[in-house]
Amino acid sequence: MFFGSTSTVGVHPREIARQALKLNAAAVICSHNHPSGKAEPSQQDKAITLKIKNVMELIDVRLVDHIVVGGGQF
């Protein structure tokens, strides 16, 4: 849903919520890649995951997981 540079991307939880509602989703799984090859979630990853989770709770959609992929690992 979002595109960025090799170091950052703007993620908007409202856009994820909009898509979930459009698809009548009961749950969502988010994922993104780390071009650095490190699959370890950053502090920013953890913070946006919490924001996404909070927004999803408001519309009764469960955030199942947020998967970070890098270097063939997740």
N, C-alpha and C. Protein backbone atom coordinates (compact mmCIF):
# COMPACT_ATOMS: atom_id res chain seq x y z
N MET A 1 0.81 -1.20 0.00
CA MET A 1 0.00 0.00 0.00
C MET A 1 0.85 1.26 0.00
N PHE A 2 2.06 1.17 0.56
CA PHE A 2 2.90 2.36 0.68
C PHE A 2 4.25 2.10 0.05
N PHE A 3 4.85 3.15 -0.50
CA PHE A 3 6.17 3.06 -1.10
C PHE A 3 7.06 4.10 -0.44
N GLY A 4 8.34 3.79 -0.31
CA GLY A 4 9.26 4.73 0.31
C GLY A 4 10.64 4.62 -0.29
N SER A 5 11.59 5.17 0.42
CA SER A 5 12.98 5.12 -0.01
C SER A 5 13.65 3.91 0.64
N THR A 6 14.95 3.83 0.52
CA THR A 6 15.67 2.72 1.14
C THR A 6 15.75 2.85 2.66
N SER A 7 15.38 4.03 3.19
CA SER A 7 15.50 4.20 4.64
C SER A 7 14.19 4.57 5.34
N THR A 8 13.19 5.08 4.62
CA THR A 8 11.95 5.47 5.29
C THR A 8 10.74 5.29 4.37
N VAL A 9 9.59 5.20 5.02
CA VAL A 9 8.32 5.17 4.30
C VAL A 9 7.26 5.75 5.22
N GLY A 10 6.36 6.52 4.65
CA GLY A 10 5.26 7.06 5.45
C GLY A 10 4.11 6.06 5.47
N VAL A 11 3.78 5.57 6.64
CA VAL A 11 2.69 4.61 6.80
C VAL A 11 1.55 5.32 7.52
N HIS A 12 0.34 5.21 6.96
CA HIS A 12 -0.82 5.90 7.51
C HIS A 12 -1.85 4.87 7.97
N PRO A 13 -1.96 4.66 9.28
CA PRO A 13 -2.93 3.68 9.79
C PRO A 13 -4.35 3.89 9.26
N ARG A 14 -4.75 5.14 9.01
CA ARG A 14 -6.09 5.40 8.49
C ARG A 14 -6.29 4.78 7.12
N GLU A 15 -5.23 4.72 6.31
CA GLU A 15 -5.32 4.11 4.98
C GLU A 15 -5.46 2.59 5.09
N ILE A 16 -4.79 2.02 6.07
CA ILE A 16 -4.93 0.58 6.31
C ILE A 16 -6.35 0.29 6.77
N ALA A 17 -6.87 1.13 7.65
CA ALA A 17 -8.25 0.98 8.13
C ALA A 17 -9.23 1.14 6.98
N ARG A 18 -9.01 2.11 6.12
CA ARG A 18 -9.90 2.34 4.97
C ARG A 18 -9.96 1.10 4.08
N GLN A 19 -8.79 0.51 3.81
CA GLN A 19 -8.74 -0.68 2.96
C GLN A 19 -9.41 -1.87 3.65
N ALA A 20 -9.20 -2.03 4.95
CA ALA A 20 -9.83 -3.12 5.70
C ALA A 20 -11.35 -2.99 5.66
N LEU A 21 -11.85 -1.78 5.82
CA LEU A 21 -13.31 -1.56 5.75
C LEU A 21 -13.83 -1.81 4.35
N LYS A 22 -13.10 -1.36 3.36
CA LYS A 22 -13.50 -1.55 1.96
C LYS A 22 -13.64 -3.04 1.65
N LEU A 23 -12.75 -3.86 2.20
CA LEU A 23 -12.76 -5.30 1.94
C LEU A 23 -13.60 -6.07 2.95
N ASN A 24 -14.21 -5.34 3.90
CA ASN A 24 -15.01 -5.97 4.96
C ASN A 24 -14.18 -7.00 5.73
N ALA A 25 -12.94 -6.65 6.02
CA ALA A 25 -12.01 -7.56 6.69
C ALA A 25 -12.33 -7.69 8.18
N ALA A 26 -12.17 -8.89 8.69
CA ALA A 26 -12.29 -9.13 10.13
C ALA A 26 -10.93 -9.02 10.81
N ALA A 27 -9.87 -9.18 10.00
CA ALA A 27 -8.50 -9.14 10.53
C ALA A 27 -7.55 -8.73 9.41
N VAL A 28 -6.39 -8.22 9.80
CA VAL A 28 -5.35 -7.85 8.84
C VAL A 28 -4.00 -8.35 9.31
N ILE A 29 -3.14 -8.59 8.34
CA ILE A 29 -1.73 -8.89 8.59
C ILE A 29 -0.93 -7.87 7.81
N CYS A 30 -0.07 -7.15 8.49
CA CYS A 30 0.78 -6.16 7.83
C CYS A 30 2.17 -6.77 7.64
N SER A 31 2.84 -6.34 6.58
CA SER A 31 4.22 -6.78 6.38
C SER A 31 4.97 -5.71 5.59
N HIS A 32 6.26 -5.71 5.77
CA HIS A 32 7.12 -4.82 4.98
C HIS A 32 8.53 -5.37 4.98
N ASN A 33 9.32 -4.90 4.03
CA ASN A 33 10.70 -5.37 3.94
C ASN A 33 11.67 -4.33 4.48
N HIS A 34 12.81 -4.82 4.91
CA HIS A 34 13.94 -3.97 5.30
C HIS A 34 15.03 -4.18 4.24
N PRO A 35 15.25 -3.21 3.37
CA PRO A 35 16.28 -3.35 2.35
C PRO A 35 17.68 -3.59 2.94
N SER A 36 17.86 -3.23 4.21
CA SER A 36 19.16 -3.45 4.86
C SER A 36 19.46 -4.93 5.03
N GLY A 37 18.41 -5.77 4.94
CA GLY A 37 18.61 -7.20 5.12
C GLY A 37 18.41 -7.66 6.54
N LYS A 38 18.17 -6.73 7.47
CA LYS A 38 17.96 -7.07 8.87
C LYS A 38 16.46 -7.19 9.13
N ALA A 39 16.03 -8.37 9.57
CA ALA A 39 14.61 -8.60 9.80
C ALA A 39 14.15 -8.16 11.19
N GLU A 40 15.05 -7.71 12.01
CA GLU A 40 14.70 -7.26 13.36
C GLU A 40 13.88 -5.97 13.28
N PRO A 41 12.69 -5.92 13.94
CA PRO A 41 11.88 -4.70 13.89
C PRO A 41 12.57 -3.54 14.61
N SER A 42 12.48 -2.37 14.00
CA SER A 42 13.06 -1.17 14.62
C SER A 42 12.08 -0.59 15.64
N GLN A 43 12.53 0.40 16.37
CA GLN A 43 11.64 1.10 17.32
C GLN A 43 10.48 1.74 16.56
N GLN A 44 10.77 2.28 15.37
CA GLN A 44 9.72 2.89 14.55
C GLN A 44 8.71 1.83 14.11
N ASP A 45 9.19 0.64 13.78
CA ASP A 45 8.29 -0.47 13.41
C ASP A 45 7.36 -0.81 14.58
N LYS A 46 7.92 -0.88 15.76
CA LYS A 46 7.12 -1.21 16.94
C LYS A 46 6.09 -0.11 17.23
N ALA A 47 6.50 1.14 17.04
CA ALA A 47 5.59 2.26 17.31
C ALA A 47 4.43 2.28 16.31
N ILE A 48 4.72 2.08 15.03
CA ILE A 48 3.64 2.12 14.03
C ILE A 48 2.73 0.90 14.19
N THR A 49 3.29 -0.22 14.59
CA THR A 49 2.47 -1.41 14.83
C THR A 49 1.45 -1.13 15.93
N LEU A 50 1.87 -0.47 16.99
CA LEU A 50 0.96 -0.13 18.07
C LEU A 50 -0.14 0.84 17.58
N LYS A 51 0.25 1.82 16.76
CA LYS A 51 -0.74 2.76 16.22
C LYS A 51 -1.75 2.04 15.34
N ILE A 52 -1.24 1.15 14.48
CA ILE A 52 -2.13 0.38 13.60
C ILE A 52 -3.08 -0.46 14.44
N LYS A 53 -2.54 -1.13 15.45
CA LYS A 53 -3.37 -1.97 16.33
C LYS A 53 -4.47 -1.15 16.98
N ASN A 54 -4.13 0.03 17.49
CA ASN A 54 -5.12 0.89 18.15
C ASN A 54 -6.21 1.35 17.19
N VAL A 55 -5.83 1.71 15.97
CA VAL A 55 -6.82 2.13 14.97
C VAL A 55 -7.73 0.96 14.59
N MET A 56 -7.13 -0.20 14.40
CA MET A 56 -7.92 -1.38 14.03
C MET A 56 -8.93 -1.74 15.13
N GLU A 57 -8.53 -1.59 16.38
CA GLU A 57 -9.45 -1.88 17.49
C GLU A 57 -10.67 -0.98 17.45
N LEU A 58 -10.48 0.27 17.02
CA LEU A 58 -11.59 1.21 16.95
C LEU A 58 -12.66 0.79 15.94
N ILE A 59 -12.24 0.05 14.92
CA ILE A 59 -13.20 -0.37 13.89
C ILE A 59 -13.48 -1.87 13.96
N ASP A 60 -13.07 -2.49 15.07
CA ASP A 60 -13.36 -3.90 15.30
C ASP A 60 -12.70 -4.84 14.28
N VAL A 61 -11.47 -4.50 13.88
CA VAL A 61 -10.68 -5.34 12.99
C VAL A 61 -9.42 -5.72 13.75
N ARG A 62 -9.13 -7.02 13.77
CA ARG A 62 -7.99 -7.52 14.54
C ARG A 62 -6.70 -7.43 13.72
N LEU A 63 -5.65 -6.89 14.33
CA LEU A 63 -4.31 -6.93 13.73
C LEU A 63 -3.69 -8.25 14.15
N VAL A 64 -3.55 -9.17 13.22
CA VAL A 64 -3.02 -10.50 13.52
C VAL A 64 -1.53 -10.45 13.76
N ASP A 65 -0.81 -9.75 12.88
CA ASP A 65 0.65 -9.68 13.00
C ASP A 65 1.18 -8.57 12.10
N HIS A 66 2.39 -8.16 12.38
CA HIS A 66 3.12 -7.23 11.53
C HIS A 66 4.47 -7.89 11.29
N ILE A 67 4.69 -8.33 10.08
CA ILE A 67 5.87 -9.13 9.75
C ILE A 67 6.91 -8.25 9.04
N VAL A 68 8.13 -8.33 9.53
CA VAL A 68 9.26 -7.62 8.92
C VAL A 68 10.12 -8.65 8.19
N VAL A 69 10.39 -8.40 6.92
CA VAL A 69 11.18 -9.33 6.10
C VAL A 69 12.49 -8.66 5.74
N GLY A 70 13.58 -9.41 5.86
CA GLY A 70 14.88 -8.90 5.49
C GLY A 70 15.89 -10.01 5.39
N GLY A 71 16.67 -10.01 4.35
CA GLY A 71 17.73 -10.99 4.21
C GLY A 71 17.25 -12.44 4.21
N GLY A 72 16.08 -12.68 3.65
CA GLY A 72 15.54 -14.04 3.61
C GLY A 72 14.99 -14.52 4.94
N GLN A 73 14.89 -13.64 5.92
CA GLN A 73 14.34 -13.98 7.23
C GLN A 73 13.14 -13.10 7.52
N PHE A 74 12.38 -13.49 8.56
CA PHE A 74 11.25 -12.65 8.98
C PHE A 74 11.11 -12.71 10.47
